[in-house]
Amino acid sequence: MISKPYGKFTLEQLKQFKDLVHDTRNLAPSLEQVINEADPQKLKAIVGENFSWFHYYEMSFIDHMAWGTLILNWQDDLRHAAQSEDPQQAFFDFMNSLDPDEDWQGGFQGRFEKRDLLALVVSTIKTIKCIMVHQKSLSTLIEEVRQGNDNALFNAVRIDRTMVACPTIVHRISIAEMQGDNKFFLRLKSALKGPSRKHWVGLEELRFMMHTIVDTGADQLTGENIEQLFVEHLKLYPRNPGAQKNLYKQYTATKKINHRK
């Protein structure tokens, strides 16, 4: 049996995952630049009418990713990976085998359009950003909004302004409008400005990786384990006298977060 001290991952697999997360994070500015430089008519031809991706956030995170596998036509490869002796390594091997220059062929049975692919990419990037900031997916925040949590609503909007189109959030806005709830709308106005300046961008990848190991079962690590992993191996935190204390505090806080998908 393969020894996996970090949830479902070996140390080498965590390093591969960190690299994948880093590359995916860097897609956001690149995609924004491509869209800004695109010919307006070509872009209009792709997105058509009523284009958005907010509908993915009303789904569970698992359903969101399931649609993604169909749009990318990865379902058979991921099924084989899941049935292998080491699913995580099989997944990384599959990702490494992908040809970035290969043309997309419309996903499963060619049923999807480029607008579907674009919506998937944007919603996935935004979801990854949310996990980096809040250690929860946007789908999880929407579920918390349904339960009456306004803080979850404002956190979600700060990550992706299209969240205001989600039926769950439209419902809450409608209630606030009927009640003349000016305090709510002041907070919503602030949220629409984007991520708070209090957020430490330099720790985004660390928070994502912390979420990953806890979410996959590595919830019994010691302060020494955590320091060694994030300082020495993953190099996501600077070496300093307070590193172990700070990292273990973050690890403990991560374990307290409800990691609903």
Protein backbone atom coordinates (compact mmCIF):
# COMPACT_ATOMS: atom_id res chain seq x y z
CA MET A 1 0.00 0.00 0.00
CA ILE A 2 1.25 3.48 -0.86
CA SER A 3 2.01 5.61 2.21
CA LYS A 4 0.15 8.93 2.07
CA PRO A 5 0.91 11.09 5.09
CA TYR A 6 -0.96 14.14 3.79
CA GLY A 7 -4.57 13.08 3.38
CA LYS A 8 -4.77 11.42 -0.02
CA PHE A 9 -1.39 12.72 -1.15
CA THR A 10 2.25 11.83 -0.91
CA LEU A 11 4.70 14.68 -0.54
CA GLU A 12 5.66 14.49 -4.21
CA GLN A 13 1.99 14.59 -5.23
CA LEU A 14 1.41 17.65 -3.07
CA LYS A 15 4.28 19.37 -4.88
CA GLN A 16 2.68 18.50 -8.21
CA PHE A 17 -0.66 19.79 -6.97
CA LYS A 18 0.93 23.04 -5.77
CA ASP A 19 2.38 23.59 -9.25
CA LEU A 20 -1.02 22.92 -10.82
CA VAL A 21 -2.70 25.39 -8.47
CA HIS A 22 -0.03 27.99 -9.22
CA ASP A 23 -0.49 27.60 -12.98
CA THR A 24 -4.28 27.76 -12.70
CA ARG A 25 -4.09 30.88 -10.57
CA ASN A 26 -2.01 32.58 -13.24
CA LEU A 27 -4.72 31.88 -15.83
CA ALA A 28 -6.88 34.71 -14.50
CA PRO A 29 -4.77 37.69 -15.63
CA SER A 30 -3.85 35.92 -18.87
CA LEU A 31 -7.52 35.24 -19.70
CA GLU A 32 -8.47 38.82 -18.87
CA GLN A 33 -5.77 40.12 -21.19
CA VAL A 34 -6.86 37.82 -24.03
CA ILE A 35 -10.49 38.91 -23.68
CA ASN A 36 -9.59 42.60 -23.56
CA GLU A 37 -7.49 42.25 -26.71
CA ALA A 38 -10.01 40.11 -28.59
CA ASP A 39 -11.87 41.46 -31.58
CA PRO A 40 -15.27 42.65 -30.22
CA GLN A 41 -17.20 41.00 -33.03
CA LYS A 42 -15.45 37.66 -32.56
CA LEU A 43 -16.06 37.83 -28.82
CA LYS A 44 -19.73 38.63 -29.40
CA ALA A 45 -19.98 35.67 -31.77
CA ILE A 46 -18.64 33.39 -29.04
CA VAL A 47 -20.67 34.59 -26.06
CA GLY A 48 -23.93 35.22 -27.93
CA GLU A 49 -26.83 36.59 -25.85
CA ASN A 50 -27.43 36.29 -22.10
CA PHE A 51 -23.94 34.94 -21.44
CA SER A 52 -22.84 34.26 -17.88
CA TRP A 53 -21.69 31.48 -15.58
CA PHE A 54 -23.48 32.29 -12.31
CA HIS A 55 -25.68 29.18 -12.70
CA TYR A 56 -22.71 27.01 -11.71
CA TYR A 57 -22.67 28.57 -8.25
CA GLU A 58 -26.23 27.45 -7.56
CA MET A 59 -24.98 23.87 -8.04
CA SER A 60 -22.91 21.93 -5.54
CA PHE A 61 -19.15 22.12 -6.11
CA ILE A 62 -19.18 18.45 -7.16
CA ASP A 63 -21.88 19.06 -9.78
CA HIS A 64 -19.97 22.12 -11.02
CA MET A 65 -16.85 20.00 -11.56
CA ALA A 66 -18.93 17.18 -13.11
CA TRP A 67 -20.20 19.57 -15.78
CA GLY A 68 -16.60 20.60 -16.28
CA THR A 69 -15.50 17.06 -17.06
CA LEU A 70 -18.22 16.81 -19.73
CA ILE A 71 -17.35 20.15 -21.31
CA LEU A 72 -13.68 19.13 -21.41
CA ASN A 73 -14.57 15.54 -22.36
CA TRP A 74 -12.43 14.18 -19.55
CA GLN A 75 -15.04 11.85 -18.03
CA ASP A 76 -13.54 8.58 -19.30
CA ASP A 77 -9.99 9.51 -18.34
CA LEU A 78 -11.01 10.60 -14.84
CA ARG A 79 -13.09 7.44 -14.39
CA HIS A 80 -10.05 5.34 -15.23
CA ALA A 81 -7.92 7.41 -12.85
CA ALA A 82 -10.44 6.92 -10.03
CA GLN A 83 -10.31 3.14 -10.54
CA SER A 84 -6.51 2.95 -10.52
CA GLU A 85 -4.33 1.88 -7.60
CA ASP A 86 -3.30 5.49 -6.98
CA PRO A 87 -6.05 7.82 -8.28
CA GLN A 88 -4.19 11.01 -7.38
CA GLN A 89 -1.05 10.04 -9.29
CA ALA A 90 -3.14 8.82 -12.21
CA PHE A 91 -4.81 12.23 -12.30
CA PHE A 92 -1.47 14.05 -12.38
CA ASP A 93 -0.21 11.72 -15.10
CA PHE A 94 -3.32 12.50 -17.11
CA MET A 95 -2.90 16.25 -16.67
CA ASN A 96 0.74 16.02 -17.72
CA SER A 97 -0.26 14.11 -20.86
CA LEU A 98 -2.59 16.85 -22.12
CA ASP A 99 -1.49 18.70 -25.25
CA PRO A 100 -2.11 22.45 -24.77
CA ASP A 101 -2.04 22.96 -28.54
CA GLU A 102 -4.78 20.42 -29.25
CA ASP A 103 -8.00 22.03 -30.45
CA TRP A 104 -11.09 21.68 -28.28
CA GLN A 105 -13.72 19.58 -30.05
CA GLY A 106 -16.92 20.56 -28.28
CA GLY A 107 -16.62 18.31 -25.25
CA PHE A 108 -18.71 15.18 -24.73
CA GLN A 109 -20.10 14.10 -28.13
CA GLY A 110 -19.43 17.63 -29.40
CA ARG A 111 -22.52 18.92 -27.57
CA PHE A 112 -21.01 22.13 -26.19
CA GLU A 113 -20.14 25.52 -27.61
CA LYS A 114 -17.17 27.82 -26.98
CA ARG A 115 -19.33 29.95 -24.70
CA ASP A 116 -19.81 26.88 -22.48
CA LEU A 117 -16.06 26.36 -22.32
CA LEU A 118 -15.45 30.03 -21.50
CA ALA A 119 -18.10 30.01 -18.76
CA LEU A 120 -16.53 26.88 -17.26
CA VAL A 121 -13.03 28.38 -17.25
CA VAL A 122 -14.13 31.64 -15.65
CA SER A 123 -16.31 29.98 -13.00
CA THR A 124 -13.53 27.52 -12.12
CA ILE A 125 -10.95 30.30 -11.78
CA LYS A 126 -13.33 32.26 -9.55
CA THR A 127 -14.04 29.18 -7.44
CA ILE A 128 -10.33 28.53 -6.96
CA LYS A 129 -9.90 32.17 -5.95
CA CYS A 130 -12.68 31.76 -3.38
CA ILE A 131 -11.04 28.68 -1.86
CA MET A 132 -7.74 30.59 -1.71
CA VAL A 133 -9.40 33.45 0.17
CA HIS A 134 -12.13 31.77 2.25
CA GLN A 135 -11.21 28.05 2.03
CA LYS A 136 -14.71 27.43 0.70
CA SER A 137 -16.13 27.21 -2.81
CA LEU A 138 -18.58 29.78 -4.11
CA SER A 139 -21.18 27.00 -4.13
CA THR A 140 -20.66 26.59 -0.39
CA LEU A 141 -21.06 30.32 0.18
CA ILE A 142 -24.33 30.27 -1.78
CA GLU A 143 -25.58 27.44 0.45
CA GLU A 144 -24.71 29.56 3.49
CA VAL A 145 -26.61 32.49 1.99
CA ARG A 146 -29.65 30.20 1.71
CA GLN A 147 -29.29 29.61 5.45
CA GLY A 148 -29.43 33.35 6.15
CA ASN A 149 -25.73 34.22 6.28
CA ASP A 150 -25.29 37.71 4.84
CA ASN A 151 -21.53 37.64 5.43
CA ALA A 152 -21.32 34.70 3.01
CA LEU A 153 -23.23 36.77 0.46
CA PHE A 154 -20.85 39.72 0.69
CA ASN A 155 -17.80 37.44 0.62
CA ALA A 156 -19.10 35.76 -2.53
CA VAL A 157 -19.80 39.06 -4.28
CA ARG A 158 -16.28 40.30 -3.48
CA ILE A 159 -14.90 37.29 -5.35
CA ASP A 160 -17.25 37.45 -8.33
CA ARG A 161 -19.66 40.31 -8.98
CA THR A 162 -21.85 38.07 -11.18
CA MET A 163 -22.97 36.44 -7.94
CA VAL A 164 -25.67 39.14 -7.73
CA ALA A 165 -27.42 37.34 -10.60
CA CYS A 166 -27.75 34.09 -8.62
CA PRO A 167 -31.41 33.46 -7.73
CA THR A 168 -30.45 32.89 -4.10
CA ILE A 169 -28.84 36.33 -3.89
CA VAL A 170 -31.56 38.02 -5.96
CA HIS A 171 -34.04 36.68 -3.39
CA ARG A 172 -32.07 38.18 -0.50
CA ILE A 173 -31.66 41.52 -2.32
CA SER A 174 -35.40 41.58 -2.97
CA ILE A 175 -36.16 41.07 0.73
CA ALA A 176 -33.74 43.86 1.64
CA GLU A 177 -35.35 46.15 -0.96
CA MET A 178 -38.83 45.52 0.45
CA GLN A 179 -37.57 46.20 3.97
CA GLY A 180 -35.67 49.34 2.99
CA ASP A 181 -32.57 47.78 4.54
CA ASN A 182 -30.04 50.52 3.84
CA LYS A 183 -27.35 48.86 5.97
CA PHE A 184 -27.52 45.78 3.74
CA PHE A 185 -27.13 47.85 0.57
CA LEU A 186 -24.19 49.80 1.99
CA ARG A 187 -22.43 46.51 2.65
CA LEU A 188 -23.37 45.24 -0.80
CA LYS A 189 -21.96 48.44 -2.36
CA SER A 190 -18.71 47.85 -0.51
CA ALA A 191 -18.60 44.19 -1.60
CA LEU A 192 -19.03 45.20 -5.25
CA LYS A 193 -15.68 47.01 -5.04
CA GLY A 194 -13.94 43.62 -4.96
CA PRO A 195 -11.62 41.80 -2.52
CA SER A 196 -10.80 43.56 0.73
CA ARG A 197 -7.37 45.14 1.05
CA LYS A 198 -7.03 43.30 4.36
CA HIS A 199 -6.69 40.07 2.41
CA TRP A 200 -3.07 38.90 2.22
CA VAL A 201 -2.65 37.85 -1.40
CA GLY A 202 0.75 36.26 -0.73
CA LEU A 203 -0.88 33.50 1.31
CA GLU A 204 -3.53 32.47 -1.22
CA GLU A 205 -1.78 29.32 -2.42
CA LEU A 206 -0.91 28.34 1.15
CA ARG A 207 -4.56 28.60 2.19
CA PHE A 208 -5.63 26.53 -0.81
CA MET A 209 -3.11 23.79 -0.02
CA MET A 210 -4.05 23.90 3.67
CA HIS A 211 -7.68 23.41 2.65
CA THR A 212 -6.69 20.52 0.39
CA ILE A 213 -4.83 18.47 2.98
CA VAL A 214 -7.50 18.98 5.65
CA ASP A 215 -10.33 18.24 3.22
CA THR A 216 -8.68 14.96 2.19
CA GLY A 217 -8.07 13.68 5.71
CA ALA A 218 -4.77 15.13 6.99
CA ASP A 219 -6.25 16.62 10.15
CA GLN A 220 -3.87 15.15 12.75
CA LEU A 221 -0.57 16.79 11.80
CA THR A 222 1.67 18.38 14.42
CA GLY A 223 3.04 21.91 14.37
CA GLU A 224 6.41 20.49 13.36
CA ASN A 225 4.81 18.55 10.48
CA ILE A 226 3.01 21.65 9.26
CA GLU A 227 6.09 23.84 9.43
CA GLN A 228 8.22 21.30 7.57
CA LEU A 229 5.58 20.86 4.88
CA PHE A 230 4.84 24.51 4.12
CA VAL A 231 8.27 26.03 4.80
CA GLU A 232 10.76 23.39 3.67
CA HIS A 233 8.91 21.26 1.15
CA LEU A 234 6.26 23.46 -0.50
CA LYS A 235 8.05 26.75 0.17
CA LEU A 236 4.79 28.60 0.65
CA TYR A 237 5.77 30.33 3.89
CA PRO A 238 9.00 32.11 4.87
CA ARG A 239 11.35 30.57 7.39
CA ASN A 240 11.22 32.65 10.58
CA PRO A 241 11.01 32.09 14.37
CA GLY A 242 7.21 32.39 14.41
CA ALA A 243 6.55 30.17 11.38
CA GLN A 244 5.47 27.05 13.26
CA LYS A 245 3.12 28.94 15.59
CA ASN A 246 1.54 30.94 12.75
CA LEU A 247 1.15 27.96 10.45
CA TYR A 248 -0.32 25.72 13.13
CA LYS A 249 -2.80 28.48 14.01
CA GLN A 250 -3.85 28.61 10.35
CA TYR A 251 -4.08 24.81 10.25
CA THR A 252 -6.28 24.73 13.37
CA ALA A 253 -8.52 27.45 11.93
CA THR A 254 -8.81 25.52 8.67
CA LYS A 255 -10.00 22.41 10.50
CA LYS A 256 -12.81 24.43 12.07
CA ILE A 257 -14.16 25.55 8.70
CA ASN A 258 -17.16 23.64 7.41
CA HIS A 259 -15.74 22.05 4.27
CA ARG A 260 -19.00 21.32 2.53
CA LYS A 261 -18.47 20.94 -1.20
